[in-house]
């Protein structure tokens, strides 16, 4: 998906899959879980206001962005201000 380059203050995110089972081994069906809000930063626009970099794991607004699917992988293009937190590794 590196052929997409976000413009201005936009960021391309790869949505991270949610765990499908609990720590005790119980499987959780997709219908019982909400959409994850964690993603990895894949590409960033050219704005100097963007504080994240490629490879960062972030949390974004629940209804943010434009969805793009590439096979089984889900991507989002979001505005910089729709990223609400950076997860430290």
N, C-alpha and C. Protein backbone atom coordinates (compact mmCIF):
# COMPACT_ATOMS: atom_id res chain seq x y z
N UNK A 1 0.84 -1.20 0.00
CA UNK A 1 0.00 0.00 0.00
C UNK A 1 0.88 1.25 0.00
N UNK A 2 2.16 1.09 -0.16
CA UNK A 2 3.05 2.24 -0.15
C UNK A 2 2.90 3.12 -1.39
N UNK A 3 2.03 2.73 -2.32
CA UNK A 3 1.81 3.56 -3.51
C UNK A 3 0.89 4.74 -3.21
N UNK A 4 0.33 4.79 -2.01
CA UNK A 4 -0.53 5.91 -1.60
C UNK A 4 0.28 6.85 -0.73
N UNK A 5 0.31 8.12 -1.11
CA UNK A 5 1.01 9.15 -0.34
C UNK A 5 -0.01 10.18 0.10
N UNK A 6 -0.30 10.28 1.41
CA UNK A 6 -1.26 11.27 1.89
C UNK A 6 -0.75 12.69 1.64
N UNK A 7 -1.67 13.61 1.43
CA UNK A 7 -1.32 15.00 1.19
C UNK A 7 -1.53 15.84 2.45
N UNK A 8 -0.85 16.97 2.51
CA UNK A 8 -1.02 17.99 3.56
C UNK A 8 -0.91 17.37 4.95
N UNK A 9 -1.99 17.49 5.74
CA UNK A 9 -1.97 17.03 7.14
C UNK A 9 -2.62 15.66 7.31
N UNK A 10 -2.61 14.84 6.28
CA UNK A 10 -3.22 13.51 6.33
C UNK A 10 -2.16 12.45 6.65
N UNK A 11 -2.65 11.34 7.25
CA UNK A 11 -1.77 10.23 7.64
C UNK A 11 -2.41 8.93 7.18
N UNK A 12 -1.63 8.04 6.57
CA UNK A 12 -2.11 6.72 6.17
C UNK A 12 -1.81 5.74 7.29
N UNK A 13 -2.87 5.08 7.78
CA UNK A 13 -2.75 4.13 8.89
C UNK A 13 -3.10 2.73 8.44
N UNK A 14 -2.41 1.74 8.98
CA UNK A 14 -2.76 0.33 8.79
C UNK A 14 -3.45 -0.11 10.07
N UNK A 15 -4.73 -0.44 9.96
CA UNK A 15 -5.52 -0.81 11.13
C UNK A 15 -5.00 -2.13 11.68
N UNK A 16 -4.76 -2.17 13.00
CA UNK A 16 -4.26 -3.39 13.65
C UNK A 16 -5.44 -4.28 14.02
N UNK A 17 -5.26 -5.57 13.81
CA UNK A 17 -6.33 -6.51 14.12
C UNK A 17 -6.46 -6.68 15.62
N UNK A 18 -7.70 -6.85 16.03
CA UNK A 18 -8.00 -7.05 17.44
C UNK A 18 -7.80 -8.51 17.80
N UNK A 19 -7.41 -8.77 19.03
CA UNK A 19 -7.25 -10.14 19.49
C UNK A 19 -8.57 -10.89 19.35
N UNK A 20 -8.52 -12.12 18.84
CA UNK A 20 -9.74 -12.89 18.65
C UNK A 20 -9.99 -13.88 19.78
N UNK A 21 -9.10 -13.87 20.79
CA UNK A 21 -9.36 -14.71 21.96
C UNK A 21 -8.84 -14.03 23.21
N UNK A 22 -9.42 -14.40 24.33
CA UNK A 22 -9.04 -13.81 25.61
C UNK A 22 -7.75 -14.46 26.11
N UNK A 23 -7.20 -13.91 27.19
CA UNK A 23 -5.97 -14.47 27.76
C UNK A 23 -6.18 -15.88 28.30
N UNK A 24 -7.43 -16.23 28.61
CA UNK A 24 -7.72 -17.58 29.11
C UNK A 24 -8.04 -18.55 27.97
N UNK A 25 -7.99 -18.08 26.71
CA UNK A 25 -8.16 -18.99 25.58
C UNK A 25 -9.56 -19.04 24.98
N UNK A 26 -10.47 -18.20 25.45
CA UNK A 26 -11.83 -18.19 24.92
C UNK A 26 -11.86 -17.34 23.66
N UNK A 27 -12.40 -17.91 22.57
CA UNK A 27 -12.49 -17.18 21.30
C UNK A 27 -13.66 -16.21 21.32
N UNK A 28 -13.41 -15.00 20.80
CA UNK A 28 -14.43 -13.95 20.75
C UNK A 28 -14.86 -13.78 19.30
N UNK A 29 -16.16 -13.95 19.00
CA UNK A 29 -16.61 -13.76 17.61
C UNK A 29 -16.53 -12.29 17.21
N UNK A 30 -16.33 -12.03 15.89
CA UNK A 30 -16.23 -10.66 15.39
C UNK A 30 -17.46 -9.83 15.73
N UNK A 31 -18.62 -10.46 15.76
CA UNK A 31 -19.86 -9.72 16.02
C UNK A 31 -19.95 -9.23 17.46
N UNK A 32 -19.12 -9.76 18.34
CA UNK A 32 -19.18 -9.38 19.75
C UNK A 32 -18.15 -8.30 20.10
N UNK A 33 -17.38 -7.87 19.13
CA UNK A 33 -16.34 -6.87 19.42
C UNK A 33 -16.57 -5.60 18.62
N UNK A 34 -16.12 -4.49 19.18
CA UNK A 34 -16.18 -3.22 18.47
C UNK A 34 -14.95 -3.08 17.59
N UNK A 35 -15.06 -2.20 16.61
CA UNK A 35 -13.94 -1.92 15.70
C UNK A 35 -12.75 -1.39 16.52
N UNK A 36 -11.59 -1.92 16.24
CA UNK A 36 -10.39 -1.46 16.93
C UNK A 36 -10.05 -0.03 16.53
N UNK A 37 -9.37 0.68 17.40
CA UNK A 37 -8.98 2.05 17.12
C UNK A 37 -7.47 2.21 17.19
N UNK A 38 -6.75 1.09 17.08
CA UNK A 38 -5.29 1.12 17.07
C UNK A 38 -4.81 0.90 15.64
N UNK A 39 -3.75 1.62 15.29
CA UNK A 39 -3.21 1.47 13.94
C UNK A 39 -1.72 1.81 13.92
N UNK A 40 -1.07 1.33 12.87
CA UNK A 40 0.34 1.65 12.63
C UNK A 40 0.43 2.72 11.55
N UNK A 41 1.27 3.71 11.76
CA UNK A 41 1.47 4.76 10.76
C UNK A 41 2.30 4.19 9.61
N UNK A 42 1.75 4.28 8.38
CA UNK A 42 2.42 3.74 7.20
C UNK A 42 3.07 4.86 6.38
N UNK A 43 2.35 5.96 6.18
CA UNK A 43 2.85 7.12 5.43
C UNK A 43 2.30 8.38 6.07
N UNK A 44 3.02 9.49 5.91
CA UNK A 44 2.54 10.77 6.43
C UNK A 44 2.59 11.83 5.34
N UNK A 45 1.71 12.83 5.48
CA UNK A 45 1.70 13.95 4.55
C UNK A 45 2.88 14.87 4.78
N UNK A 46 2.89 16.00 4.08
CA UNK A 46 4.04 16.90 4.12
C UNK A 46 3.93 18.02 5.15
N UNK A 47 2.83 18.07 5.89
CA UNK A 47 2.63 19.13 6.87
C UNK A 47 3.65 19.03 8.01
N UNK A 48 4.14 20.16 8.45
CA UNK A 48 5.08 20.19 9.58
C UNK A 48 4.36 19.99 10.92
N UNK A 49 3.02 20.05 10.91
CA UNK A 49 2.24 19.87 12.14
C UNK A 49 2.11 18.41 12.55
N UNK A 50 2.46 17.49 11.68
CA UNK A 50 2.31 16.06 11.98
C UNK A 50 3.39 15.64 12.97
N UNK A 51 2.96 15.08 14.10
CA UNK A 51 3.89 14.72 15.18
C UNK A 51 4.25 13.23 15.20
N UNK A 52 3.60 12.42 14.37
CA UNK A 52 3.88 10.98 14.34
C UNK A 52 4.83 10.68 13.18
N UNK A 53 5.44 9.49 13.23
CA UNK A 53 6.33 9.08 12.15
C UNK A 53 6.00 7.64 11.75
N UNK A 54 6.53 7.22 10.62
CA UNK A 54 6.29 5.87 10.13
C UNK A 54 6.68 4.85 11.20
N UNK A 55 5.81 3.84 11.37
CA UNK A 55 6.08 2.79 12.33
C UNK A 55 5.46 3.02 13.70
N UNK A 56 5.04 4.25 14.01
CA UNK A 56 4.40 4.54 15.30
C UNK A 56 3.06 3.81 15.39
N UNK A 57 2.71 3.40 16.60
CA UNK A 57 1.39 2.82 16.87
C UNK A 57 0.57 3.92 17.53
N UNK A 58 -0.63 4.16 16.99
CA UNK A 58 -1.46 5.27 17.45
C UNK A 58 -2.89 4.82 17.72
N UNK A 59 -3.61 5.66 18.44
CA UNK A 59 -5.05 5.49 18.64
C UNK A 59 -5.71 6.66 17.94
N UNK A 60 -6.77 6.38 17.18
CA UNK A 60 -7.44 7.41 16.40
C UNK A 60 -8.92 7.49 16.79
N UNK A 61 -9.57 8.61 16.44
CA UNK A 61 -11.00 8.79 16.70
C UNK A 61 -11.79 7.65 16.09
N UNK A 62 -12.84 7.24 16.78
CA UNK A 62 -13.65 6.09 16.38
C UNK A 62 -14.21 6.20 14.97
N UNK A 63 -14.68 7.37 14.58
CA UNK A 63 -15.33 7.53 13.27
C UNK A 63 -14.44 8.29 12.29
N UNK A 64 -13.15 8.23 12.48
CA UNK A 64 -12.21 9.01 11.67
C UNK A 64 -11.91 8.34 10.34
N UNK A 65 -11.57 9.17 9.38
CA UNK A 65 -10.91 8.72 8.18
C UNK A 65 -11.73 8.12 7.07
N UNK A 66 -11.00 7.83 6.00
CA UNK A 66 -11.53 7.19 4.81
C UNK A 66 -10.96 5.78 4.77
N UNK A 67 -11.84 4.77 4.72
CA UNK A 67 -11.38 3.38 4.72
C UNK A 67 -10.94 2.94 3.33
N UNK A 68 -9.85 2.18 3.31
CA UNK A 68 -9.34 1.59 2.07
C UNK A 68 -8.98 0.14 2.40
N UNK A 69 -9.41 -0.81 1.55
CA UNK A 69 -9.05 -2.21 1.76
C UNK A 69 -8.10 -2.66 0.66
N UNK A 70 -7.09 -3.41 1.05
CA UNK A 70 -6.15 -4.01 0.11
C UNK A 70 -6.05 -5.47 0.49
N UNK A 71 -6.83 -6.32 -0.17
CA UNK A 71 -6.91 -7.72 0.22
C UNK A 71 -7.58 -7.83 1.58
N UNK A 72 -6.90 -8.46 2.53
CA UNK A 72 -7.43 -8.59 3.89
C UNK A 72 -6.99 -7.45 4.80
N UNK A 73 -6.16 -6.55 4.30
CA UNK A 73 -5.62 -5.47 5.12
C UNK A 73 -6.47 -4.22 4.98
N UNK A 74 -6.79 -3.62 6.14
CA UNK A 74 -7.60 -2.40 6.16
C UNK A 74 -6.71 -1.20 6.48
N UNK A 75 -6.86 -0.16 5.68
CA UNK A 75 -6.12 1.08 5.88
C UNK A 75 -7.10 2.23 6.09
N UNK A 76 -6.62 3.29 6.70
CA UNK A 76 -7.39 4.52 6.87
C UNK A 76 -6.51 5.71 6.49
N UNK A 77 -7.13 6.69 5.86
CA UNK A 77 -6.47 7.98 5.69
C UNK A 77 -7.19 8.94 6.62
N UNK A 78 -6.46 9.46 7.61
CA UNK A 78 -7.05 10.33 8.63
C UNK A 78 -6.34 11.68 8.64
N UNK A 79 -7.03 12.67 9.17
CA UNK A 79 -6.40 13.97 9.41
C UNK A 79 -5.50 13.84 10.64
N UNK A 80 -4.46 14.63 10.68
CA UNK A 80 -3.53 14.62 11.81
C UNK A 80 -4.26 14.79 13.14
N UNK A 81 -5.25 15.70 13.19
CA UNK A 81 -5.94 15.96 14.46
C UNK A 81 -6.87 14.83 14.89
N UNK A 82 -7.13 13.85 14.01
CA UNK A 82 -7.96 12.70 14.37
C UNK A 82 -7.15 11.62 15.09
N UNK A 83 -5.83 11.77 15.13
CA UNK A 83 -4.98 10.88 15.92
C UNK A 83 -4.94 11.45 17.33
N UNK A 84 -5.40 10.64 18.29
CA UNK A 84 -5.57 11.17 19.65
C UNK A 84 -4.48 10.74 20.62
N UNK A 85 -3.71 9.69 20.29
CA UNK A 85 -2.68 9.24 21.22
C UNK A 85 -1.61 8.43 20.49
N UNK A 86 -0.43 8.44 21.06
CA UNK A 86 0.70 7.66 20.57
C UNK A 86 0.98 6.60 21.63
N UNK A 87 1.08 5.34 21.22
CA UNK A 87 1.36 4.25 22.16
C UNK A 87 2.87 4.04 22.20
N UNK A 88 3.46 4.23 23.37
CA UNK A 88 4.91 4.05 23.53
C UNK A 88 5.22 2.57 23.60
N UNK A 89 6.29 2.17 22.95
CA UNK A 89 6.68 0.75 22.91
C UNK A 89 7.52 0.38 24.11
